[in-house]
Amino acid sequence: MKKNALDSIDKKILCSVQQDADVPLSELAEQVGLTQTPCWRRLQRLQSEGFITRRVALLNAQKLGLATTVIVQVKAARHDGRWLADFARHAGAFEEVVEFYRMSGEYDYLLKVLVPDMASFDHFYKRLVNGIDLQDVTSSFAMEQIKYDTAVPLTHL
């Protein structure tokens, strides 16, 4: 098989493990129509080629007291390489930042922040803006989570 080429069995393996990374190999092999050894080899190849980057446990933020989700948008103070690298390092170091993107459009960066409450967000915000020169920062508070999924869509394969 050509490197980085995915067939229907690979797609089934990826679909299964992104729903449950702990699925036993015997069950996975049965789901995709293989015996255990070829299934294990394919799983190892998918990992070594970077299709599976890591296996994690997904935690319930609400149960852990992280009831407030904030989307923070940032306009860069400058657009030179040094500032961009400094900002990426600065904002990326915060544990509260669970997603971080460089964007096109009006705002240059988007951060998804999880905190217990407004006071915790205020503390985070002060550390964010005091650590580096920013042109503008705006924050939106999620009122309700309507969809949350970590599964990557595979229908295009």
N, C-alpha and C. Protein backbone atom coordinates (compact mmCIF):
# COMPACT_ATOMS: atom_id res chain seq x y z
N MET A 1 0.85 -1.19 0.00
CA MET A 1 0.00 0.00 0.00
C MET A 1 0.89 1.24 0.00
N LYS A 2 0.53 2.22 -0.82
CA LYS A 2 1.28 3.46 -0.91
C LYS A 2 1.23 4.20 0.43
N LYS A 3 2.38 4.75 0.83
CA LYS A 3 2.45 5.50 2.09
C LYS A 3 1.42 6.63 2.08
N ASN A 4 0.74 6.82 3.21
CA ASN A 4 -0.28 7.84 3.42
C ASN A 4 -1.57 7.58 2.64
N ALA A 5 -1.69 6.42 1.98
CA ALA A 5 -2.95 6.08 1.31
C ALA A 5 -3.84 5.37 2.33
N LEU A 6 -5.08 5.81 2.43
CA LEU A 6 -6.02 5.20 3.36
C LEU A 6 -7.09 4.46 2.57
N ASP A 7 -7.36 3.24 2.98
CA ASP A 7 -8.45 2.49 2.35
C ASP A 7 -9.64 2.43 3.31
N SER A 8 -10.67 1.69 2.92
CA SER A 8 -11.89 1.64 3.72
C SER A 8 -11.66 1.01 5.10
N ILE A 9 -10.74 0.08 5.18
CA ILE A 9 -10.46 -0.55 6.49
C ILE A 9 -9.75 0.46 7.40
N ASP A 10 -8.79 1.20 6.85
CA ASP A 10 -8.14 2.24 7.65
C ASP A 10 -9.17 3.23 8.17
N LYS A 11 -10.08 3.64 7.30
CA LYS A 11 -11.13 4.59 7.68
C LYS A 11 -11.97 4.01 8.82
N LYS A 12 -12.33 2.73 8.74
CA LYS A 12 -13.11 2.10 9.81
C LYS A 12 -12.32 2.08 11.12
N ILE A 13 -11.02 1.80 11.03
CA ILE A 13 -10.18 1.80 12.23
C ILE A 13 -10.16 3.19 12.85
N LEU A 14 -9.95 4.21 12.01
CA LEU A 14 -9.90 5.59 12.52
C LEU A 14 -11.23 5.99 13.14
N CYS A 15 -12.33 5.64 12.49
CA CYS A 15 -13.66 5.96 13.05
C CYS A 15 -13.84 5.32 14.41
N SER A 16 -13.44 4.08 14.53
CA SER A 16 -13.63 3.35 15.78
C SER A 16 -12.76 3.91 16.91
N VAL A 17 -11.47 4.11 16.64
CA VAL A 17 -10.59 4.54 17.73
C VAL A 17 -10.82 5.99 18.14
N GLN A 18 -11.37 6.81 17.25
CA GLN A 18 -11.65 8.18 17.70
C GLN A 18 -12.94 8.24 18.52
N GLN A 19 -13.75 7.21 18.47
CA GLN A 19 -14.92 7.12 19.35
C GLN A 19 -14.55 6.48 20.69
N ASP A 20 -13.60 5.51 20.66
CA ASP A 20 -13.16 4.84 21.88
C ASP A 20 -11.73 4.35 21.68
N ALA A 21 -10.78 5.10 22.18
CA ALA A 21 -9.36 4.76 22.02
C ALA A 21 -8.99 3.50 22.79
N ASP A 22 -9.82 3.09 23.74
CA ASP A 22 -9.54 1.91 24.54
C ASP A 22 -10.19 0.65 24.01
N VAL A 23 -10.78 0.71 22.81
CA VAL A 23 -11.43 -0.47 22.26
C VAL A 23 -10.41 -1.61 22.20
N PRO A 24 -10.75 -2.79 22.74
CA PRO A 24 -9.81 -3.91 22.69
C PRO A 24 -9.49 -4.29 21.24
N LEU A 25 -8.26 -4.70 21.00
CA LEU A 25 -7.82 -5.05 19.66
C LEU A 25 -8.71 -6.12 19.05
N SER A 26 -9.14 -7.10 19.84
CA SER A 26 -10.00 -8.16 19.31
C SER A 26 -11.32 -7.59 18.80
N GLU A 27 -11.89 -6.65 19.55
CA GLU A 27 -13.14 -6.02 19.15
C GLU A 27 -12.94 -5.13 17.92
N LEU A 28 -11.85 -4.38 17.90
CA LEU A 28 -11.55 -3.52 16.77
C LEU A 28 -11.38 -4.36 15.50
N ALA A 29 -10.64 -5.44 15.61
CA ALA A 29 -10.41 -6.31 14.45
C ALA A 29 -11.73 -6.86 13.92
N GLU A 30 -12.61 -7.25 14.83
CA GLU A 30 -13.92 -7.76 14.42
C GLU A 30 -14.75 -6.67 13.74
N GLN A 31 -14.71 -5.47 14.28
CA GLN A 31 -15.47 -4.35 13.70
C GLN A 31 -15.06 -4.05 12.27
N VAL A 32 -13.76 -4.18 11.99
CA VAL A 32 -13.25 -3.79 10.66
C VAL A 32 -13.06 -4.98 9.72
N GLY A 33 -13.33 -6.21 10.21
CA GLY A 33 -13.27 -7.39 9.36
C GLY A 33 -11.88 -7.94 9.13
N LEU A 34 -11.02 -7.83 10.13
CA LEU A 34 -9.67 -8.37 10.06
C LEU A 34 -9.41 -9.29 11.24
N THR A 35 -8.35 -10.06 11.16
CA THR A 35 -7.87 -10.76 12.35
C THR A 35 -7.00 -9.78 13.14
N GLN A 36 -6.62 -10.16 14.34
CA GLN A 36 -5.95 -9.22 15.24
C GLN A 36 -4.59 -8.74 14.72
N THR A 37 -3.77 -9.65 14.17
CA THR A 37 -2.43 -9.25 13.75
C THR A 37 -2.45 -8.20 12.63
N PRO A 38 -3.18 -8.41 11.53
CA PRO A 38 -3.21 -7.36 10.51
C PRO A 38 -3.86 -6.06 11.01
N CYS A 39 -4.82 -6.18 11.90
CA CYS A 39 -5.45 -4.99 12.46
C CYS A 39 -4.43 -4.22 13.30
N TRP A 40 -3.66 -4.93 14.11
CA TRP A 40 -2.63 -4.30 14.94
C TRP A 40 -1.59 -3.61 14.05
N ARG A 41 -1.18 -4.27 12.97
CA ARG A 41 -0.19 -3.68 12.05
C ARG A 41 -0.73 -2.38 11.44
N ARG A 42 -1.99 -2.39 11.03
CA ARG A 42 -2.59 -1.19 10.46
C ARG A 42 -2.66 -0.07 11.50
N LEU A 43 -3.05 -0.43 12.71
CA LEU A 43 -3.12 0.56 13.78
C LEU A 43 -1.75 1.17 14.04
N GLN A 44 -0.71 0.34 14.07
CA GLN A 44 0.65 0.83 14.27
C GLN A 44 1.08 1.74 13.11
N ARG A 45 0.72 1.38 11.87
CA ARG A 45 1.06 2.20 10.71
C ARG A 45 0.34 3.54 10.77
N LEU A 46 -0.93 3.52 11.14
CA LEU A 46 -1.70 4.78 11.24
C LEU A 46 -1.09 5.71 12.29
N GLN A 47 -0.55 5.13 13.35
CA GLN A 47 0.13 5.93 14.37
C GLN A 47 1.48 6.42 13.86
N SER A 48 2.27 5.54 13.28
CA SER A 48 3.62 5.95 12.84
C SER A 48 3.57 6.96 11.71
N GLU A 49 2.52 6.93 10.88
CA GLU A 49 2.40 7.88 9.78
C GLU A 49 1.69 9.18 10.21
N GLY A 50 1.30 9.26 11.49
CA GLY A 50 0.77 10.51 12.01
C GLY A 50 -0.73 10.72 11.85
N PHE A 51 -1.46 9.70 11.37
CA PHE A 51 -2.92 9.84 11.29
C PHE A 51 -3.53 9.82 12.69
N ILE A 52 -2.95 9.05 13.58
CA ILE A 52 -3.33 9.04 15.00
C ILE A 52 -2.17 9.71 15.73
N THR A 53 -2.44 10.88 16.30
CA THR A 53 -1.35 11.63 16.93
C THR A 53 -1.15 11.29 18.39
N ARG A 54 -2.24 10.94 19.08
CA ARG A 54 -2.13 10.51 20.47
C ARG A 54 -3.48 9.97 20.93
N ARG A 55 -3.46 9.25 22.02
CA ARG A 55 -4.68 8.71 22.63
C ARG A 55 -4.82 9.35 24.00
N VAL A 56 -6.00 9.90 24.26
CA VAL A 56 -6.21 10.64 25.51
C VAL A 56 -7.54 10.27 26.13
N ALA A 57 -7.71 10.64 27.39
CA ALA A 57 -9.00 10.56 28.06
C ALA A 57 -9.63 11.95 27.98
N LEU A 58 -10.88 12.03 27.60
CA LEU A 58 -11.59 13.31 27.55
C LEU A 58 -12.28 13.52 28.89
N LEU A 59 -12.01 14.64 29.50
CA LEU A 59 -12.55 14.93 30.81
C LEU A 59 -13.78 15.82 30.70
N ASN A 60 -14.67 15.71 31.68
CA ASN A 60 -15.88 16.51 31.72
C ASN A 60 -15.57 17.82 32.44
N ALA A 61 -15.45 18.89 31.66
CA ALA A 61 -15.07 20.19 32.21
C ALA A 61 -16.07 20.66 33.27
N GLN A 62 -17.36 20.46 33.03
CA GLN A 62 -18.39 20.89 33.98
C GLN A 62 -18.20 20.21 35.33
N LYS A 63 -18.01 18.88 35.31
CA LYS A 63 -17.83 18.14 36.57
C LYS A 63 -16.56 18.55 37.30
N LEU A 64 -15.58 19.06 36.55
CA LEU A 64 -14.33 19.49 37.15
C LEU A 64 -14.37 20.97 37.55
N GLY A 65 -15.55 21.58 37.47
CA GLY A 65 -15.71 22.95 37.93
C GLY A 65 -15.35 24.01 36.91
N LEU A 66 -15.15 23.61 35.66
CA LEU A 66 -14.83 24.58 34.61
C LEU A 66 -16.11 24.91 33.86
N ALA A 67 -16.95 25.71 34.49
CA ALA A 67 -18.30 25.97 33.98
C ALA A 67 -18.37 27.11 32.98
N THR A 68 -17.29 27.86 32.81
CA THR A 68 -17.33 29.04 31.95
C THR A 68 -16.40 28.86 30.75
N THR A 69 -16.98 28.92 29.56
CA THR A 69 -16.22 28.86 28.32
C THR A 69 -16.23 30.25 27.71
N VAL A 70 -15.04 30.74 27.39
CA VAL A 70 -14.90 32.09 26.85
C VAL A 70 -14.13 32.01 25.53
N ILE A 71 -14.66 32.68 24.52
CA ILE A 71 -13.95 32.83 23.26
C ILE A 71 -13.32 34.21 23.28
N VAL A 72 -12.00 34.25 23.20
CA VAL A 72 -11.25 35.50 23.26
C VAL A 72 -10.65 35.76 21.88
N GLN A 73 -10.91 36.97 21.35
CA GLN A 73 -10.35 37.36 20.06
C GLN A 73 -9.35 38.49 20.29
N VAL A 74 -8.21 38.38 19.61
CA VAL A 74 -7.11 39.31 19.83
C VAL A 74 -6.66 39.91 18.51
N LYS A 75 -6.45 41.23 18.51
CA LYS A 75 -5.80 41.91 17.39
C LYS A 75 -4.35 42.14 17.78
N ALA A 76 -3.46 41.79 16.89
CA ALA A 76 -2.02 41.93 17.14
C ALA A 76 -1.63 43.41 17.22
N ALA A 77 -0.70 43.70 18.12
CA ALA A 77 -0.17 45.05 18.22
C ALA A 77 0.76 45.34 17.04
N ARG A 78 1.46 44.31 16.59
CA ARG A 78 2.37 44.42 15.44
C ARG A 78 2.24 43.12 14.64
N HIS A 79 2.76 43.14 13.45
CA HIS A 79 2.70 41.94 12.62
C HIS A 79 4.08 41.48 12.17
N ASP A 80 5.07 41.66 13.03
CA ASP A 80 6.40 41.17 12.71
C ASP A 80 6.60 39.79 13.35
N GLY A 81 7.54 39.05 12.83
CA GLY A 81 7.77 37.68 13.28
C GLY A 81 8.08 37.55 14.75
N ARG A 82 8.83 38.48 15.28
CA ARG A 82 9.20 38.40 16.71
C ARG A 82 7.96 38.55 17.60
N TRP A 83 7.10 39.56 17.30
CA TRP A 83 5.90 39.74 18.11
C TRP A 83 5.00 38.52 18.00
N LEU A 84 4.83 38.02 16.78
CA LEU A 84 3.96 36.85 16.58
C LEU A 84 4.45 35.65 17.38
N ALA A 85 5.74 35.41 17.36
CA ALA A 85 6.31 34.29 18.12
C ALA A 85 6.17 34.53 19.62
N ASP A 86 6.41 35.77 20.06
CA ASP A 86 6.27 36.08 21.49
C ASP A 86 4.83 35.89 21.95
N PHE A 87 3.87 36.34 21.13
CA PHE A 87 2.47 36.19 21.51
C PHE A 87 2.06 34.72 21.54
N ALA A 88 2.49 33.96 20.55
CA ALA A 88 2.16 32.53 20.53
C ALA A 88 2.70 31.84 21.79
N ARG A 89 3.91 32.18 22.17
CA ARG A 89 4.52 31.59 23.37
C ARG A 89 3.78 32.06 24.62
N HIS A 90 3.47 33.36 24.69
CA HIS A 90 2.79 33.94 25.86
C HIS A 90 1.40 33.33 26.06
N ALA A 91 0.55 33.43 25.04
CA ALA A 91 -0.83 32.95 25.18
C ALA A 91 -0.89 31.43 25.27
N GLY A 92 0.00 30.75 24.56
CA GLY A 92 0.00 29.28 24.58
C GLY A 92 0.41 28.69 25.91
N ALA A 93 1.05 29.47 26.76
CA ALA A 93 1.52 28.97 28.05
C ALA A 93 0.42 28.89 29.10
N PHE A 94 -0.72 29.52 28.86
CA PHE A 94 -1.80 29.52 29.85
C PHE A 94 -2.55 28.19 29.82
N GLU A 95 -2.65 27.54 30.96
CA GLU A 95 -3.39 26.28 31.07
C GLU A 95 -4.85 26.47 30.70
N GLU A 96 -5.40 27.63 30.98
CA GLU A 96 -6.81 27.89 30.69
C GLU A 96 -7.13 27.91 29.19
N VAL A 97 -6.12 28.16 28.37
CA VAL A 97 -6.30 28.19 26.91
C VAL A 97 -6.26 26.75 26.40
N VAL A 98 -7.41 26.26 25.95
CA VAL A 98 -7.49 24.87 25.49
C VAL A 98 -7.47 24.75 23.97
N GLU A 99 -7.73 25.87 23.28
CA GLU A 99 -7.58 25.93 21.83
C GLU A 99 -7.06 27.32 21.48
N PHE A 100 -6.24 27.39 20.42
CA PHE A 100 -5.56 28.64 20.10
C PHE A 100 -5.29 28.65 18.60
N TYR A 101 -5.84 29.64 17.89
CA TYR A 101 -5.74 29.70 16.44
C TYR A 101 -5.27 31.06 15.97
N ARG A 102 -4.45 31.09 14.91
CA ARG A 102 -4.16 32.32 14.18
C ARG A 102 -5.20 32.39 13.08
N MET A 103 -5.84 33.55 12.94
CA MET A 103 -7.02 33.67 12.10
C MET A 103 -6.80 34.65 10.95
N SER A 104 -7.66 34.53 9.95
CA SER A 104 -7.80 35.59 8.95
C SER A 104 -8.98 36.45 9.39
N GLY A 105 -9.11 37.62 8.82
CA GLY A 105 -10.25 38.46 9.15
C GLY A 105 -9.89 39.58 10.10
N GLU A 106 -10.89 40.11 10.76
CA GLU A 106 -10.72 41.30 11.60
C GLU A 106 -9.80 41.04 12.79
N TYR A 107 -9.92 39.89 13.43
CA TYR A 107 -9.08 39.56 14.57
C TYR A 107 -8.02 38.57 14.14
N ASP A 108 -6.84 38.69 14.75
CA ASP A 108 -5.69 37.88 14.34
C ASP A 108 -5.63 36.52 15.05
N TYR A 109 -6.16 36.45 16.26
CA TYR A 109 -6.09 35.21 17.05
C TYR A 109 -7.42 34.93 17.73
N LEU A 110 -7.70 33.66 17.91
CA LEU A 110 -8.88 33.21 18.64
C LEU A 110 -8.41 32.20 19.68
N LEU A 111 -8.82 32.41 20.91
CA LEU A 111 -8.48 31.51 22.01
C LEU A 111 -9.77 30.99 22.63
N LYS A 112 -9.82 29.72 22.88
CA LYS A 112 -10.92 29.14 23.66
C LYS A 112 -10.37 28.92 25.06
N VAL A 113 -11.05 29.51 26.02
CA VAL A 113 -10.57 29.52 27.40
C VAL A 113 -11.61 28.85 28.30
N LEU A 114 -11.16 27.96 29.17
CA LEU A 114 -12.04 27.32 30.16
C LEU A 114 -11.63 27.77 31.56
N VAL A 115 -12.60 28.30 32.30
CA VAL A 115 -12.36 28.77 33.66
C VAL A 115 -13.56 28.43 34.54
N PRO A 116 -13.39 28.44 35.85
CA PRO A 116 -14.51 28.13 36.74
C PRO A 116 -15.60 29.21 36.75
N ASP A 117 -15.20 30.48 36.67
CA ASP A 117 -16.18 31.55 36.85
C ASP A 117 -15.63 32.88 36.34
N MET A 118 -16.43 33.92 36.46
CA MET A 118 -16.04 35.24 35.96
C MET A 118 -14.79 35.77 36.66
N ALA A 119 -14.69 35.58 37.96
CA ALA A 119 -13.50 36.06 38.68
C ALA A 119 -12.24 35.38 38.15
N SER A 120 -12.34 34.10 37.85
CA SER A 120 -11.18 33.37 37.30
C SER A 120 -10.83 33.88 35.92
N PHE A 121 -11.85 34.20 35.13
CA PHE A 121 -11.58 34.76 33.81
C PHE A 121 -10.92 36.13 33.94
N ASP A 122 -11.39 36.95 34.86
CA ASP A 122 -10.80 38.27 35.06
C ASP A 122 -9.31 38.14 35.41
N HIS A 123 -8.99 37.19 36.27
CA HIS A 123 -7.59 36.93 36.64
C HIS A 123 -6.79 36.51 35.40
N PHE A 124 -7.34 35.60 34.60
CA PHE A 124 -6.69 35.16 33.36
C PHE A 124 -6.48 36.36 32.43
N TYR A 125 -7.54 37.14 32.23
CA TYR A 125 -7.51 38.28 31.31
C TYR A 125 -6.40 39.26 31.68
N LYS A 126 -6.30 39.57 32.96
CA LYS A 126 -5.26 40.51 33.41
C LYS A 126 -3.87 39.97 33.12
N ARG A 127 -3.66 38.70 33.34
CA ARG A 127 -2.35 38.10 33.03
C ARG A 127 -2.08 38.09 31.53
N LEU A 128 -3.12 37.84 30.74
CA LEU A 128 -2.95 37.83 29.28
C LEU A 128 -2.57 39.21 28.76
N VAL A 129 -3.31 40.24 29.13
CA VAL A 129 -3.07 41.57 28.56
C VAL A 129 -1.86 42.27 29.18
N ASN A 130 -1.50 41.93 30.40
CA ASN A 130 -0.33 42.55 31.02
C ASN A 130 0.98 41.93 30.56
N GLY A 131 0.92 40.77 29.95
CA GLY A 131 2.15 40.08 29.57
C GLY A 131 2.70 40.48 28.23
N ILE A 132 1.92 41.18 27.40
CA ILE A 132 2.36 41.50 26.05
C ILE A 132 1.52 42.65 25.50
N ASP A 133 2.10 43.41 24.56
CA ASP A 133 1.40 44.54 23.96
C ASP A 133 0.38 44.03 22.94
N LEU A 134 -0.90 44.41 23.13
CA LEU A 134 -1.98 44.00 22.23
C LEU A 134 -2.70 45.23 21.71
N GLN A 135 -3.23 45.14 20.50
CA GLN A 135 -4.01 46.25 19.96
C GLN A 135 -5.43 46.23 20.50
N ASP A 136 -6.08 45.04 20.52
CA ASP A 136 -7.47 44.95 20.96
C ASP A 136 -7.75 43.52 21.40
N VAL A 137 -8.60 43.40 22.40
CA VAL A 137 -9.04 42.09 22.89
C VAL A 137 -10.53 42.17 23.13
N THR A 138 -11.27 41.18 22.66
CA THR A 138 -12.69 41.10 22.95
C THR A 138 -13.01 39.67 23.38
N SER A 139 -13.95 39.55 24.30
CA SER A 139 -14.30 38.24 24.84
C SER A 139 -15.79 38.01 24.74
N SER A 140 -16.16 36.78 24.39
CA SER A 140 -17.56 36.37 24.35
C SER A 140 -17.71 35.15 25.23
N PHE A 141 -18.78 35.14 26.02
CA PHE A 141 -19.02 34.05 26.96
C PHE A 141 -20.06 33.10 26.39
N ALA A 142 -19.73 31.82 26.34
CA ALA A 142 -20.68 30.82 25.84
C ALA A 142 -21.79 30.65 26.86
N MET A 143 -23.00 30.75 26.40
CA MET A 143 -24.15 30.59 27.29
C MET A 143 -24.61 29.14 27.35
N GLU A 144 -24.41 28.40 26.25
CA GLU A 144 -24.84 27.00 26.19
C GLU A 144 -23.97 26.29 25.17
N GLN A 145 -23.52 25.09 25.53
CA GLN A 145 -22.79 24.27 24.58
C GLN A 145 -23.80 23.40 23.84
N ILE A 146 -23.93 23.63 22.56
CA ILE A 146 -24.92 22.90 21.76
C ILE A 146 -24.31 21.65 21.14
N LYS A 147 -23.07 21.74 20.73
CA LYS A 147 -22.38 20.57 20.18
C LYS A 147 -20.93 20.61 20.60
N TYR A 148 -20.42 19.46 21.00
CA TYR A 148 -19.01 19.30 21.31
C TYR A 148 -18.63 17.92 20.84
N ASP A 149 -17.68 17.85 19.95
CA ASP A 149 -17.24 16.56 19.44
C ASP A 149 -15.76 16.65 19.16
N THR A 150 -15.04 15.63 19.51
CA THR A 150 -13.61 15.59 19.20
C THR A 150 -13.34 14.76 17.95
N ALA A 151 -14.37 14.09 17.43
CA ALA A 151 -14.19 13.24 16.25
C ALA A 151 -13.97 14.09 15.01
N VAL A 152 -12.96 13.71 14.22
CA VAL A 152 -12.66 14.38 12.97
C VAL A 152 -13.55 13.76 11.89
N PRO A 153 -14.22 14.57 11.06
CA PRO A 153 -15.07 14.00 10.01
C PRO A 153 -14.23 13.24 8.99
N LEU A 154 -14.69 12.06 8.60
CA LEU A 154 -13.94 11.22 7.67
C LEU A 154 -14.71 10.90 6.41
N THR A 155 -15.89 11.49 6.23
CA THR A 155 -16.73 11.16 5.08
C THR A 155 -16.08 11.53 3.75
N HIS A 156 -15.16 12.46 3.75
CA HIS A 156 -14.50 12.88 2.51
C HIS A 156 -13.46 11.87 2.03
N LEU A 157 -13.12 10.91 2.86
CA LEU A 157 -12.09 9.91 2.47
C LEU A 157 -12.67 8.87 1.54
